[in-house]
N, C-alpha and C. Protein backbone atom coordinates (compact mmCIF):
# COMPACT_ATOMS: atom_id res chain seq x y z
N MET A 1 0.85 -1.20 0.00
CA MET A 1 0.00 0.00 0.00
C MET A 1 0.88 1.24 0.00
N SER A 2 0.34 2.37 -0.44
CA SER A 2 1.11 3.59 -0.44
C SER A 2 1.15 4.18 0.96
N THR A 3 2.11 5.08 1.18
CA THR A 3 2.22 5.76 2.46
C THR A 3 2.34 7.24 2.19
N GLU A 4 2.36 8.02 3.26
CA GLU A 4 2.52 9.46 3.11
C GLU A 4 3.92 9.81 2.62
N HIS A 5 4.85 8.87 2.74
CA HIS A 5 6.24 9.18 2.46
C HIS A 5 6.75 8.58 1.16
N GLY A 6 5.95 7.85 0.42
CA GLY A 6 6.42 7.32 -0.85
C GLY A 6 5.87 5.94 -1.13
N PHE A 7 6.63 5.18 -1.97
CA PHE A 7 6.17 3.88 -2.43
C PHE A 7 7.22 2.82 -2.14
N VAL A 8 6.76 1.59 -2.13
CA VAL A 8 7.66 0.47 -1.93
C VAL A 8 8.60 0.35 -3.12
N GLU A 9 9.88 0.20 -2.84
CA GLU A 9 10.86 0.11 -3.90
C GLU A 9 10.57 -1.11 -4.79
N GLY A 10 10.65 -0.90 -6.10
CA GLY A 10 10.44 -2.00 -7.04
C GLY A 10 8.99 -2.18 -7.47
N VAL A 11 8.06 -1.44 -6.86
CA VAL A 11 6.64 -1.52 -7.23
C VAL A 11 6.26 -0.22 -7.92
N SER A 12 5.64 -0.32 -9.09
CA SER A 12 5.32 0.89 -9.85
C SER A 12 4.31 1.74 -9.10
N PRO A 13 4.49 3.07 -9.10
CA PRO A 13 3.52 3.95 -8.45
C PRO A 13 2.09 3.74 -8.96
N ALA A 14 1.95 3.52 -10.27
CA ALA A 14 0.61 3.34 -10.83
C ALA A 14 -0.08 2.13 -10.21
N ARG A 15 0.67 1.06 -10.01
CA ARG A 15 0.09 -0.15 -9.43
C ARG A 15 -0.37 0.10 -8.00
N VAL A 16 0.45 0.82 -7.23
CA VAL A 16 0.11 1.11 -5.83
C VAL A 16 -1.11 2.03 -5.76
N ILE A 17 -1.13 3.05 -6.62
CA ILE A 17 -2.27 3.97 -6.64
C ILE A 17 -3.55 3.22 -6.98
N ALA A 18 -3.49 2.36 -8.00
CA ALA A 18 -4.66 1.58 -8.39
C ALA A 18 -5.11 0.69 -7.24
N GLN A 19 -4.17 0.10 -6.54
CA GLN A 19 -4.50 -0.78 -5.42
C GLN A 19 -5.21 -0.01 -4.31
N ASP A 20 -4.69 1.17 -3.99
CA ASP A 20 -5.31 1.98 -2.94
C ASP A 20 -6.71 2.45 -3.33
N LEU A 21 -6.85 2.90 -4.57
CA LEU A 21 -8.16 3.39 -5.01
C LEU A 21 -9.16 2.24 -5.10
N ARG A 22 -8.70 1.08 -5.52
CA ARG A 22 -9.57 -0.09 -5.58
C ARG A 22 -10.11 -0.42 -4.19
N ALA A 23 -9.22 -0.39 -3.21
CA ALA A 23 -9.63 -0.65 -1.83
C ALA A 23 -10.61 0.42 -1.34
N ASP A 24 -10.36 1.68 -1.70
CA ASP A 24 -11.26 2.77 -1.30
C ASP A 24 -12.67 2.55 -1.86
N ILE A 25 -12.75 2.06 -3.09
CA ILE A 25 -14.05 1.82 -3.73
C ILE A 25 -14.75 0.65 -3.06
N LEU A 26 -14.04 -0.45 -2.88
CA LEU A 26 -14.65 -1.66 -2.33
C LEU A 26 -15.06 -1.48 -0.87
N GLU A 27 -14.34 -0.65 -0.15
CA GLU A 27 -14.63 -0.46 1.27
C GLU A 27 -15.51 0.76 1.54
N GLY A 28 -15.98 1.41 0.45
CA GLY A 28 -16.96 2.48 0.59
C GLY A 28 -16.42 3.86 0.88
N ARG A 29 -15.10 4.02 0.88
CA ARG A 29 -14.54 5.36 1.12
C ARG A 29 -14.71 6.26 -0.09
N LEU A 30 -14.83 5.65 -1.27
CA LEU A 30 -15.21 6.37 -2.48
C LEU A 30 -16.58 5.85 -2.89
N GLU A 31 -17.53 6.74 -3.04
CA GLU A 31 -18.91 6.33 -3.28
C GLU A 31 -19.22 6.24 -4.77
N PRO A 32 -20.22 5.42 -5.14
CA PRO A 32 -20.63 5.33 -6.55
C PRO A 32 -20.95 6.70 -7.12
N GLY A 33 -20.39 7.01 -8.29
CA GLY A 33 -20.62 8.29 -8.94
C GLY A 33 -19.65 9.38 -8.53
N GLU A 34 -18.84 9.13 -7.50
CA GLU A 34 -17.90 10.17 -7.04
C GLU A 34 -16.81 10.41 -8.07
N ARG A 35 -16.46 11.68 -8.27
CA ARG A 35 -15.44 12.05 -9.25
C ARG A 35 -14.04 11.78 -8.70
N LEU A 36 -13.16 11.37 -9.59
CA LEU A 36 -11.75 11.17 -9.26
C LEU A 36 -10.95 12.18 -10.09
N VAL A 37 -10.44 13.18 -9.42
CA VAL A 37 -9.76 14.29 -10.09
C VAL A 37 -8.25 14.01 -10.11
N GLU A 38 -7.67 14.05 -11.31
CA GLU A 38 -6.25 13.71 -11.45
C GLU A 38 -5.36 14.57 -10.58
N ASN A 39 -5.58 15.88 -10.58
CA ASN A 39 -4.72 16.77 -9.80
C ASN A 39 -4.79 16.45 -8.31
N SER A 40 -5.98 16.20 -7.83
CA SER A 40 -6.15 15.89 -6.40
C SER A 40 -5.48 14.57 -6.04
N LEU A 41 -5.60 13.60 -6.93
CA LEU A 41 -4.97 12.30 -6.67
C LEU A 41 -3.46 12.41 -6.74
N ALA A 42 -2.95 13.20 -7.69
CA ALA A 42 -1.50 13.40 -7.78
C ALA A 42 -0.97 14.04 -6.49
N GLU A 43 -1.75 14.97 -5.95
CA GLU A 43 -1.34 15.62 -4.70
C GLU A 43 -1.40 14.64 -3.53
N ARG A 44 -2.45 13.84 -3.51
CA ARG A 44 -2.61 12.85 -2.43
C ARG A 44 -1.45 11.86 -2.41
N PHE A 45 -1.07 11.37 -3.58
CA PHE A 45 -0.03 10.34 -3.65
C PHE A 45 1.37 10.90 -3.87
N LYS A 46 1.45 12.25 -3.99
CA LYS A 46 2.74 12.92 -4.16
C LYS A 46 3.49 12.40 -5.39
N VAL A 47 2.77 12.38 -6.50
CA VAL A 47 3.34 11.95 -7.77
C VAL A 47 2.87 12.91 -8.86
N SER A 48 3.42 12.74 -10.08
CA SER A 48 2.92 13.49 -11.22
C SER A 48 1.59 12.89 -11.68
N ARG A 49 0.98 13.49 -12.67
CA ARG A 49 -0.30 12.99 -13.15
C ARG A 49 -0.13 11.73 -14.01
N VAL A 50 1.09 11.45 -14.46
CA VAL A 50 1.31 10.30 -15.35
C VAL A 50 0.94 8.97 -14.68
N PRO A 51 1.50 8.63 -13.50
CA PRO A 51 1.09 7.37 -12.87
C PRO A 51 -0.37 7.37 -12.43
N VAL A 52 -0.91 8.55 -12.14
CA VAL A 52 -2.34 8.62 -11.80
C VAL A 52 -3.18 8.21 -13.01
N ARG A 53 -2.83 8.73 -14.19
CA ARG A 53 -3.57 8.35 -15.40
C ARG A 53 -3.45 6.84 -15.67
N GLU A 54 -2.25 6.30 -15.46
CA GLU A 54 -2.04 4.87 -15.66
C GLU A 54 -2.93 4.06 -14.71
N ALA A 55 -2.99 4.50 -13.46
CA ALA A 55 -3.80 3.80 -12.47
C ALA A 55 -5.29 3.87 -12.82
N LEU A 56 -5.74 5.04 -13.25
CA LEU A 56 -7.14 5.19 -13.64
C LEU A 56 -7.47 4.34 -14.85
N GLY A 57 -6.53 4.24 -15.78
CA GLY A 57 -6.74 3.38 -16.94
C GLY A 57 -6.90 1.92 -16.54
N GLN A 58 -6.09 1.49 -15.58
CA GLN A 58 -6.19 0.12 -15.09
C GLN A 58 -7.53 -0.13 -14.41
N LEU A 59 -7.97 0.81 -13.58
CA LEU A 59 -9.25 0.66 -12.89
C LEU A 59 -10.42 0.70 -13.85
N ALA A 60 -10.30 1.50 -14.92
CA ALA A 60 -11.35 1.53 -15.93
C ALA A 60 -11.45 0.19 -16.64
N ALA A 61 -10.29 -0.41 -16.95
CA ALA A 61 -10.27 -1.71 -17.62
C ALA A 61 -10.89 -2.79 -16.74
N GLU A 62 -10.78 -2.63 -15.44
CA GLU A 62 -11.34 -3.60 -14.49
C GLU A 62 -12.80 -3.31 -14.16
N GLY A 63 -13.33 -2.19 -14.65
CA GLY A 63 -14.73 -1.86 -14.42
C GLY A 63 -15.03 -1.11 -13.14
N PHE A 64 -13.99 -0.69 -12.41
CA PHE A 64 -14.21 0.02 -11.15
C PHE A 64 -14.62 1.47 -11.36
N ILE A 65 -14.17 2.07 -12.44
CA ILE A 65 -14.50 3.47 -12.71
C ILE A 65 -14.92 3.63 -14.17
N ASN A 66 -15.58 4.74 -14.44
CA ASN A 66 -15.92 5.12 -15.81
C ASN A 66 -15.12 6.36 -16.18
N VAL A 67 -14.52 6.35 -17.35
CA VAL A 67 -13.75 7.51 -17.81
C VAL A 67 -14.40 8.04 -19.09
N VAL A 68 -14.79 9.31 -19.05
CA VAL A 68 -15.42 9.96 -20.20
C VAL A 68 -14.51 11.10 -20.66
N ARG A 69 -14.22 11.13 -21.94
CA ARG A 69 -13.33 12.14 -22.50
C ARG A 69 -13.85 13.55 -22.17
N HIS A 70 -12.96 14.38 -21.69
CA HIS A 70 -13.24 15.78 -21.33
C HIS A 70 -14.10 15.92 -20.07
N ARG A 71 -14.48 14.79 -19.46
CA ARG A 71 -15.30 14.87 -18.25
C ARG A 71 -14.63 14.18 -17.06
N GLY A 72 -13.61 13.41 -17.34
CA GLY A 72 -12.86 12.78 -16.26
C GLY A 72 -13.41 11.43 -15.83
N ALA A 73 -12.97 11.00 -14.64
CA ALA A 73 -13.29 9.67 -14.13
C ALA A 73 -14.25 9.75 -12.95
N THR A 74 -15.15 8.78 -12.88
CA THR A 74 -16.06 8.66 -11.74
C THR A 74 -16.15 7.20 -11.33
N VAL A 75 -16.41 6.98 -10.06
CA VAL A 75 -16.59 5.61 -9.57
C VAL A 75 -17.83 5.01 -10.22
N SER A 76 -17.71 3.78 -10.69
CA SER A 76 -18.84 3.13 -11.35
C SER A 76 -20.03 3.02 -10.40
N PRO A 77 -21.21 3.45 -10.84
CA PRO A 77 -22.39 3.36 -9.97
C PRO A 77 -22.99 1.95 -9.95
N SER A 78 -22.50 1.07 -10.82
CA SER A 78 -23.12 -0.25 -10.93
C SER A 78 -22.08 -1.37 -10.94
N LEU A 79 -21.00 -1.19 -10.19
CA LEU A 79 -19.90 -2.15 -10.21
C LEU A 79 -20.35 -3.57 -9.90
N ARG A 80 -21.11 -3.74 -8.83
CA ARG A 80 -21.48 -5.09 -8.41
C ARG A 80 -22.50 -5.74 -9.34
N GLN A 81 -23.46 -4.97 -9.83
CA GLN A 81 -24.43 -5.52 -10.77
C GLN A 81 -23.73 -5.87 -12.09
N ASP A 82 -22.84 -5.00 -12.54
CA ASP A 82 -22.09 -5.29 -13.76
C ASP A 82 -21.27 -6.57 -13.59
N SER A 83 -20.64 -6.73 -12.43
CA SER A 83 -19.80 -7.90 -12.19
C SER A 83 -20.63 -9.17 -12.19
N LEU A 84 -21.84 -9.12 -11.61
CA LEU A 84 -22.71 -10.29 -11.63
C LEU A 84 -23.07 -10.67 -13.07
N GLU A 85 -23.37 -9.68 -13.88
CA GLU A 85 -23.71 -9.96 -15.28
C GLU A 85 -22.51 -10.54 -16.03
N TYR A 86 -21.32 -10.03 -15.73
CA TYR A 86 -20.11 -10.59 -16.34
C TYR A 86 -19.88 -12.03 -15.89
N LEU A 87 -20.18 -12.32 -14.63
CA LEU A 87 -20.04 -13.68 -14.13
C LEU A 87 -20.96 -14.63 -14.88
N GLN A 88 -22.18 -14.17 -15.19
CA GLN A 88 -23.12 -15.00 -15.94
C GLN A 88 -22.63 -15.25 -17.37
N ILE A 89 -22.08 -14.22 -17.98
CA ILE A 89 -21.51 -14.38 -19.33
C ILE A 89 -20.31 -15.30 -19.28
N ARG A 90 -19.47 -15.12 -18.25
CA ARG A 90 -18.27 -15.94 -18.09
C ARG A 90 -18.63 -17.42 -18.02
N ARG A 91 -19.69 -17.74 -17.26
CA ARG A 91 -20.06 -19.15 -17.12
C ARG A 91 -20.41 -19.77 -18.47
N THR A 92 -21.18 -19.04 -19.27
CA THR A 92 -21.56 -19.56 -20.59
C THR A 92 -20.35 -19.78 -21.47
N LEU A 93 -19.43 -18.81 -21.48
CA LEU A 93 -18.25 -18.91 -22.32
C LEU A 93 -17.29 -19.99 -21.82
N GLU A 94 -17.16 -20.11 -20.49
CA GLU A 94 -16.27 -21.12 -19.92
C GLU A 94 -16.78 -22.54 -20.23
N VAL A 95 -18.09 -22.71 -20.21
CA VAL A 95 -18.65 -24.02 -20.54
C VAL A 95 -18.30 -24.37 -21.99
N LEU A 96 -18.45 -23.41 -22.89
CA LEU A 96 -18.08 -23.65 -24.29
C LEU A 96 -16.60 -23.99 -24.40
N ALA A 97 -15.75 -23.22 -23.72
CA ALA A 97 -14.31 -23.49 -23.77
C ALA A 97 -13.99 -24.88 -23.24
N THR A 98 -14.69 -25.28 -22.19
CA THR A 98 -14.46 -26.59 -21.59
C THR A 98 -14.86 -27.72 -22.54
N GLN A 99 -15.99 -27.55 -23.21
CA GLN A 99 -16.44 -28.56 -24.17
C GLN A 99 -15.47 -28.67 -25.35
N LEU A 100 -14.97 -27.52 -25.81
CA LEU A 100 -13.97 -27.55 -26.89
C LEU A 100 -12.68 -28.22 -26.42
N ALA A 101 -12.30 -27.93 -25.18
CA ALA A 101 -11.09 -28.54 -24.62
C ALA A 101 -11.25 -30.05 -24.52
N ALA A 102 -12.45 -30.51 -24.15
CA ALA A 102 -12.70 -31.95 -24.06
C ALA A 102 -12.65 -32.60 -25.45
N ALA A 103 -13.17 -31.88 -26.45
CA ALA A 103 -13.10 -32.40 -27.82
C ALA A 103 -11.65 -32.59 -28.25
N ASN A 104 -10.77 -31.75 -27.70
CA ASN A 104 -9.33 -31.85 -28.01
C ASN A 104 -8.58 -32.74 -27.01
N ARG A 105 -9.33 -33.30 -26.05
CA ARG A 105 -8.74 -34.12 -24.98
C ARG A 105 -7.58 -33.39 -24.29
N GLY A 106 -7.76 -32.08 -24.14
CA GLY A 106 -6.82 -31.31 -23.36
C GLY A 106 -5.55 -30.89 -24.06
N GLN A 107 -5.38 -31.28 -25.31
CA GLN A 107 -4.17 -30.88 -26.04
C GLN A 107 -4.23 -29.41 -26.40
N PRO A 108 -3.13 -28.69 -26.38
CA PRO A 108 -1.75 -29.15 -26.19
C PRO A 108 -1.25 -29.07 -24.75
N VAL A 109 -2.15 -28.98 -23.78
CA VAL A 109 -1.72 -28.84 -22.39
C VAL A 109 -2.22 -30.02 -21.54
N ALA A 110 -2.34 -31.19 -22.18
CA ALA A 110 -2.86 -32.36 -21.47
C ALA A 110 -2.00 -32.75 -20.28
N ALA A 111 -0.69 -32.60 -20.42
CA ALA A 111 0.19 -32.97 -19.30
C ALA A 111 -0.08 -32.09 -18.08
N GLU A 112 -0.25 -30.80 -18.32
CA GLU A 112 -0.54 -29.89 -17.20
C GLU A 112 -1.92 -30.16 -16.61
N LEU A 113 -2.88 -30.44 -17.48
CA LEU A 113 -4.22 -30.76 -16.97
C LEU A 113 -4.20 -32.07 -16.19
N GLY A 114 -3.30 -32.98 -16.57
CA GLY A 114 -3.16 -34.23 -15.83
C GLY A 114 -2.74 -33.99 -14.39
N LYS A 115 -1.87 -32.98 -14.18
CA LYS A 115 -1.45 -32.63 -12.82
C LYS A 115 -2.62 -32.05 -12.03
N VAL A 116 -3.46 -31.24 -12.72
CA VAL A 116 -4.65 -30.70 -12.06
C VAL A 116 -5.59 -31.84 -11.69
N ALA A 117 -5.79 -32.79 -12.62
CA ALA A 117 -6.68 -33.92 -12.38
C ALA A 117 -6.23 -34.75 -11.19
N ALA A 118 -4.91 -34.79 -10.97
CA ALA A 118 -4.37 -35.56 -9.86
C ALA A 118 -4.35 -34.77 -8.56
N GLY A 119 -4.76 -33.50 -8.63
CA GLY A 119 -4.77 -32.66 -7.44
C GLY A 119 -3.40 -32.21 -6.99
N ASP A 120 -2.47 -32.12 -7.95
CA ASP A 120 -1.08 -31.81 -7.61
C ASP A 120 -0.75 -30.32 -7.64
N VAL A 121 -1.74 -29.47 -7.92
CA VAL A 121 -1.43 -28.05 -8.09
C VAL A 121 -2.36 -27.18 -7.25
N ASP A 122 -1.86 -25.98 -6.96
CA ASP A 122 -2.66 -24.94 -6.34
C ASP A 122 -3.66 -24.47 -7.38
N PRO A 123 -4.95 -24.43 -7.07
CA PRO A 123 -5.96 -24.16 -8.09
C PRO A 123 -5.93 -22.79 -8.73
N GLU A 124 -5.36 -21.78 -8.08
CA GLU A 124 -5.50 -20.43 -8.59
C GLU A 124 -4.18 -19.71 -8.89
N THR A 125 -3.05 -20.30 -8.55
CA THR A 125 -1.80 -19.58 -8.76
C THR A 125 -0.79 -20.45 -9.46
N THR A 126 0.30 -19.85 -9.87
CA THR A 126 1.38 -20.59 -10.50
C THR A 126 2.47 -20.93 -9.48
N GLU A 127 2.25 -20.59 -8.22
CA GLU A 127 3.27 -20.80 -7.20
C GLU A 127 3.13 -22.18 -6.57
N HIS A 128 3.53 -23.19 -7.32
CA HIS A 128 3.49 -24.55 -6.80
C HIS A 128 4.53 -25.39 -7.53
N ALA A 129 4.78 -26.57 -7.01
CA ALA A 129 5.87 -27.38 -7.53
C ALA A 129 5.68 -27.77 -8.99
N ALA A 130 4.42 -28.01 -9.38
CA ALA A 130 4.17 -28.45 -10.76
C ALA A 130 4.46 -27.35 -11.77
N GLY A 131 4.36 -26.10 -11.33
CA GLY A 131 4.71 -24.98 -12.21
C GLY A 131 3.75 -24.76 -13.36
N THR A 132 2.52 -25.21 -13.25
CA THR A 132 1.58 -25.03 -14.35
C THR A 132 0.91 -23.67 -14.29
N ARG A 133 0.22 -23.33 -15.39
CA ARG A 133 -0.56 -22.10 -15.42
C ARG A 133 -1.86 -22.26 -14.66
N PRO A 134 -2.51 -21.15 -14.28
CA PRO A 134 -3.81 -21.26 -13.61
C PRO A 134 -4.78 -22.09 -14.43
N PHE A 135 -5.63 -22.81 -13.74
CA PHE A 135 -6.49 -23.80 -14.38
C PHE A 135 -7.34 -23.24 -15.52
N HIS A 136 -8.01 -22.12 -15.29
CA HIS A 136 -8.91 -21.60 -16.31
C HIS A 136 -8.16 -21.16 -17.57
N ASP A 137 -6.92 -20.74 -17.40
CA ASP A 137 -6.10 -20.42 -18.56
C ASP A 137 -5.76 -21.69 -19.34
N LEU A 138 -5.50 -22.77 -18.63
CA LEU A 138 -5.23 -24.05 -19.29
C LEU A 138 -6.43 -24.48 -20.14
N VAL A 139 -7.62 -24.33 -19.59
CA VAL A 139 -8.83 -24.70 -20.32
C VAL A 139 -8.95 -23.85 -21.58
N GLY A 140 -8.65 -22.55 -21.45
CA GLY A 140 -8.70 -21.67 -22.62
C GLY A 140 -7.73 -22.10 -23.69
N VAL A 141 -6.52 -22.47 -23.30
CA VAL A 141 -5.52 -22.93 -24.28
C VAL A 141 -6.01 -24.21 -24.95
N ALA A 142 -6.52 -25.14 -24.15
CA ALA A 142 -6.96 -26.43 -24.68
C ALA A 142 -8.18 -26.28 -25.58
N SER A 143 -8.94 -25.20 -25.43
CA SER A 143 -10.11 -25.01 -26.29
C SER A 143 -9.71 -24.83 -27.74
N GLY A 144 -8.49 -24.31 -27.95
CA GLY A 144 -8.02 -24.07 -29.31
C GLY A 144 -8.64 -22.85 -29.95
N ASN A 145 -9.41 -22.08 -29.19
CA ASN A 145 -10.10 -20.90 -29.74
C ASN A 145 -9.49 -19.64 -29.11
N GLY A 146 -8.61 -19.00 -29.86
CA GLY A 146 -7.90 -17.84 -29.34
C GLY A 146 -8.82 -16.68 -28.99
N LYS A 147 -9.83 -16.43 -29.80
CA LYS A 147 -10.75 -15.32 -29.53
C LYS A 147 -11.56 -15.57 -28.27
N LEU A 148 -11.98 -16.79 -28.08
CA LEU A 148 -12.72 -17.15 -26.87
C LEU A 148 -11.84 -16.94 -25.65
N ARG A 149 -10.60 -17.33 -25.75
CA ARG A 149 -9.67 -17.15 -24.64
C ARG A 149 -9.47 -15.66 -24.33
N GLU A 150 -9.38 -14.82 -25.36
CA GLU A 150 -9.23 -13.38 -25.14
C GLU A 150 -10.44 -12.80 -24.42
N MET A 151 -11.63 -13.24 -24.84
CA MET A 151 -12.85 -12.74 -24.21
C MET A 151 -12.91 -13.13 -22.74
N LEU A 152 -12.54 -14.37 -22.45
CA LEU A 152 -12.58 -14.83 -21.06
C LEU A 152 -11.54 -14.10 -20.21
N SER A 153 -10.38 -13.85 -20.80
CA SER A 153 -9.35 -13.12 -20.06
C SER A 153 -9.83 -11.73 -19.68
N ALA A 154 -10.50 -11.05 -20.60
CA ALA A 154 -11.01 -9.71 -20.33
C ALA A 154 -12.10 -9.74 -19.25
N ILE A 155 -12.97 -10.74 -19.31
CA ILE A 155 -14.03 -10.84 -18.31
C ILE A 155 -13.45 -11.18 -16.95
N ASN A 156 -12.50 -12.10 -16.92
CA ASN A 156 -11.91 -12.49 -15.63
C ASN A 156 -11.22 -11.32 -14.96
N GLN A 157 -10.65 -10.42 -15.75
CA GLN A 157 -10.02 -9.23 -15.19
C GLN A 157 -11.04 -8.36 -14.47
N ARG A 158 -12.27 -8.35 -14.96
CA ARG A 158 -13.31 -7.51 -14.38
C ARG A 158 -13.96 -8.12 -13.13
N VAL A 159 -13.91 -9.44 -12.99
CA VAL A 159 -14.63 -10.07 -11.89
C VAL A 159 -13.73 -10.66 -10.82
N ALA A 160 -12.42 -10.67 -11.05
CA ALA A 160 -11.51 -11.34 -10.12
C ALA A 160 -11.64 -10.82 -8.69
N TRP A 161 -11.88 -9.51 -8.54
CA TRP A 161 -11.96 -8.90 -7.21
C TRP A 161 -13.07 -9.49 -6.35
N GLY A 162 -14.15 -9.97 -6.99
CA GLY A 162 -15.32 -10.41 -6.24
C GLY A 162 -15.42 -11.91 -6.03
N LEU A 163 -14.40 -12.66 -6.48
CA LEU A 163 -14.47 -14.12 -6.36
C LEU A 163 -13.96 -14.58 -5.01
N GLY A 164 -14.51 -15.68 -4.53
CA GLY A 164 -14.12 -16.22 -3.24
C GLY A 164 -12.78 -16.95 -3.29
N THR A 165 -12.36 -17.43 -2.15
CA THR A 165 -11.06 -18.12 -2.06
C THR A 165 -11.20 -19.46 -1.35
N ASP A 166 -12.22 -20.24 -1.72
CA ASP A 166 -12.40 -21.57 -1.16
C ASP A 166 -11.54 -22.53 -1.98
N TRP A 167 -10.23 -22.55 -1.66
CA TRP A 167 -9.29 -23.29 -2.50
C TRP A 167 -9.55 -24.79 -2.53
N GLU A 168 -9.98 -25.36 -1.41
CA GLU A 168 -10.19 -26.81 -1.38
C GLU A 168 -11.32 -27.22 -2.31
N THR A 169 -12.42 -26.44 -2.28
CA THR A 169 -13.52 -26.73 -3.20
C THR A 169 -13.08 -26.52 -4.64
N SER A 170 -12.34 -25.44 -4.88
CA SER A 170 -11.86 -25.17 -6.24
C SER A 170 -10.96 -26.29 -6.73
N ARG A 171 -10.07 -26.77 -5.86
CA ARG A 171 -9.15 -27.84 -6.26
C ARG A 171 -9.93 -29.09 -6.67
N ALA A 172 -10.94 -29.43 -5.88
CA ALA A 172 -11.74 -30.63 -6.19
C ALA A 172 -12.52 -30.43 -7.48
N ASP A 173 -13.10 -29.23 -7.66
CA ASP A 173 -13.85 -28.94 -8.88
C ASP A 173 -12.94 -29.01 -10.10
N HIS A 174 -11.79 -28.36 -9.99
CA HIS A 174 -10.87 -28.32 -11.12
C HIS A 174 -10.40 -29.72 -11.50
N ALA A 175 -10.13 -30.54 -10.50
CA ALA A 175 -9.68 -31.91 -10.77
C ALA A 175 -10.75 -32.69 -11.52
N ALA A 176 -12.00 -32.54 -11.11
CA ALA A 176 -13.09 -33.26 -11.77
C ALA A 176 -13.27 -32.79 -13.21
N VAL A 177 -13.20 -31.48 -13.44
CA VAL A 177 -13.32 -30.95 -14.80
C VAL A 177 -12.16 -31.43 -15.65
N ALA A 178 -10.95 -31.39 -15.10
CA ALA A 178 -9.77 -31.81 -15.85
C ALA A 178 -9.87 -33.28 -16.27
N ARG A 179 -10.35 -34.11 -15.36
CA ARG A 179 -10.51 -35.54 -15.71
C ARG A 179 -11.50 -35.73 -16.84
N ALA A 180 -12.60 -34.98 -16.81
CA ALA A 180 -13.60 -35.09 -17.87
C ALA A 180 -13.03 -34.59 -19.20
N ILE A 181 -12.26 -33.52 -19.17
CA ILE A 181 -11.63 -33.00 -20.39
C ILE A 181 -10.70 -34.04 -20.98
N LEU A 182 -9.85 -34.62 -20.15
CA LEU A 182 -8.85 -35.57 -20.63
C LEU A 182 -9.49 -36.85 -21.17
N SER A 183 -10.68 -37.19 -20.66
CA SER A 183 -11.36 -38.39 -21.15
C SER A 183 -12.20 -38.11 -22.40
N GLY A 184 -12.28 -36.84 -22.80
CA GLY A 184 -13.05 -36.48 -23.99
C GLY A 184 -14.54 -36.42 -23.76
N ALA A 185 -14.96 -36.32 -22.49
CA ALA A 185 -16.38 -36.29 -22.16
C ALA A 185 -16.89 -34.86 -22.22
N GLU A 186 -17.27 -34.42 -23.41
CA GLU A 186 -17.62 -33.01 -23.62
C GLU A 186 -18.81 -32.56 -22.77
N VAL A 187 -19.88 -33.34 -22.77
CA VAL A 187 -21.09 -32.96 -22.03
C VAL A 187 -20.81 -32.93 -20.53
N GLN A 188 -20.16 -33.97 -20.04
CA GLN A 188 -19.85 -34.02 -18.61
C GLN A 188 -18.92 -32.88 -18.19
N ALA A 189 -17.91 -32.62 -18.99
CA ALA A 189 -16.96 -31.55 -18.67
C ALA A 189 -17.68 -30.21 -18.60
N GLY A 190 -18.54 -29.95 -19.59
CA GLY A 190 -19.30 -28.70 -19.60
C GLY A 190 -20.21 -28.58 -18.41
N TYR A 191 -20.86 -29.68 -18.04
CA TYR A 191 -21.76 -29.67 -16.89
C TYR A 191 -20.99 -29.36 -15.61
N LEU A 192 -19.85 -30.01 -15.43
CA LEU A 192 -19.06 -29.81 -14.22
C LEU A 192 -18.54 -28.38 -14.13
N MET A 193 -18.12 -27.81 -15.26
CA MET A 193 -17.67 -26.42 -15.24
C MET A 193 -18.82 -25.48 -14.91
N ASP A 194 -19.99 -25.77 -15.47
CA ASP A 194 -21.16 -24.94 -15.19
C ASP A 194 -21.47 -24.94 -13.68
N GLU A 195 -21.44 -26.10 -13.06
CA GLU A 195 -21.71 -26.20 -11.63
C GLU A 195 -20.65 -25.47 -10.82
N HIS A 196 -19.41 -25.59 -11.23
CA HIS A 196 -18.31 -24.92 -10.54
C HIS A 196 -18.48 -23.40 -10.56
N LEU A 197 -18.79 -22.85 -11.72
CA LEU A 197 -18.91 -21.41 -11.84
C LEU A 197 -20.23 -20.89 -11.28
N ARG A 198 -21.25 -21.73 -11.28
CA ARG A 198 -22.52 -21.33 -10.66
C ARG A 198 -22.33 -21.09 -9.16
N ARG A 199 -21.46 -21.88 -8.55
CA ARG A 199 -21.16 -21.67 -7.14
C ARG A 199 -20.51 -20.30 -6.92
N ASP A 200 -19.63 -19.90 -7.86
CA ASP A 200 -19.03 -18.56 -7.77
C ASP A 200 -20.10 -17.48 -7.79
N GLU A 201 -21.07 -17.64 -8.70
CA GLU A 201 -22.15 -16.66 -8.80
C GLU A 201 -22.98 -16.62 -7.52
N ASP A 202 -23.31 -17.79 -7.00
CA ASP A 202 -24.12 -17.85 -5.78
C ASP A 202 -23.39 -17.18 -4.61
N THR A 203 -22.09 -17.42 -4.50
CA THR A 203 -21.29 -16.82 -3.44
C THR A 203 -21.25 -15.31 -3.58
N PHE A 204 -21.12 -14.84 -4.82
CA PHE A 204 -21.07 -13.41 -5.09
C PHE A 204 -22.40 -12.76 -4.69
N VAL A 205 -23.50 -13.37 -5.10
CA VAL A 205 -24.83 -12.81 -4.78
C VAL A 205 -25.04 -12.76 -3.28
N GLU A 206 -24.65 -13.81 -2.58
CA GLU A 206 -24.82 -13.84 -1.12
C GLU A 206 -23.97 -12.77 -0.45
N ARG A 207 -22.77 -12.56 -0.97
CA ARG A 207 -21.85 -11.58 -0.39
C ARG A 207 -22.33 -10.15 -0.57
N PHE A 208 -22.94 -9.88 -1.74
CA PHE A 208 -23.32 -8.49 -2.05
C PHE A 208 -24.82 -8.32 -2.24
N ARG A 209 -25.60 -9.18 -1.63
CA ARG A 209 -27.05 -9.17 -1.84
C ARG A 209 -27.65 -7.79 -1.61
N SER A 210 -27.23 -7.10 -0.59
CA SER A 210 -27.83 -5.80 -0.25
C SER A 210 -27.46 -4.71 -1.24
N GLU A 211 -26.48 -4.97 -2.12
CA GLU A 211 -26.03 -3.95 -3.05
C GLU A 211 -26.41 -4.27 -4.50
N LEU A 212 -27.18 -5.34 -4.71
CA LEU A 212 -27.59 -5.73 -6.06
C LEU A 212 -29.03 -5.33 -6.33
């Protein structure tokens, strides 16, 4: 996090500014519709306007703020509702990607999916002994559809903040989906992915019910 005296060495100011503003939005210190003025933010973080613009661009890409030319940036008034709608779109696209991956029996990343199927990897990060990519990225690669993978990557960037961290359930879900993909069971793989992502949606709705 940023401090009154500067930034952590080796971390870009834009990244720290985006992190702080993201926390301000999620924790209610910045309200929906509130304006974010570049000059004021530059003064707050004791930086030039360049890293502030970079940070605002990142937050806009993630859906936290809206940026209108000549009018500046404002906190998104519908962040949580937008995220729920993206989660619903994500589920549909992920099911398609999973079915395509099963048709390909997981190639060209079958070996990595085999490690997921065996439960040998951390479900959400690359920081594990097997060294594989995150599971949903593997499914995108195995789908063989580059455009579909790009769409899912963009959606995941917008909803990552609101997803839970039940790693044990995720690990079990991912292993089951990976096994179905590797066996070529397209319908089963799609069904299992649908159930997995539906749980994400249910958790999100329960967490933010009062704000939807």
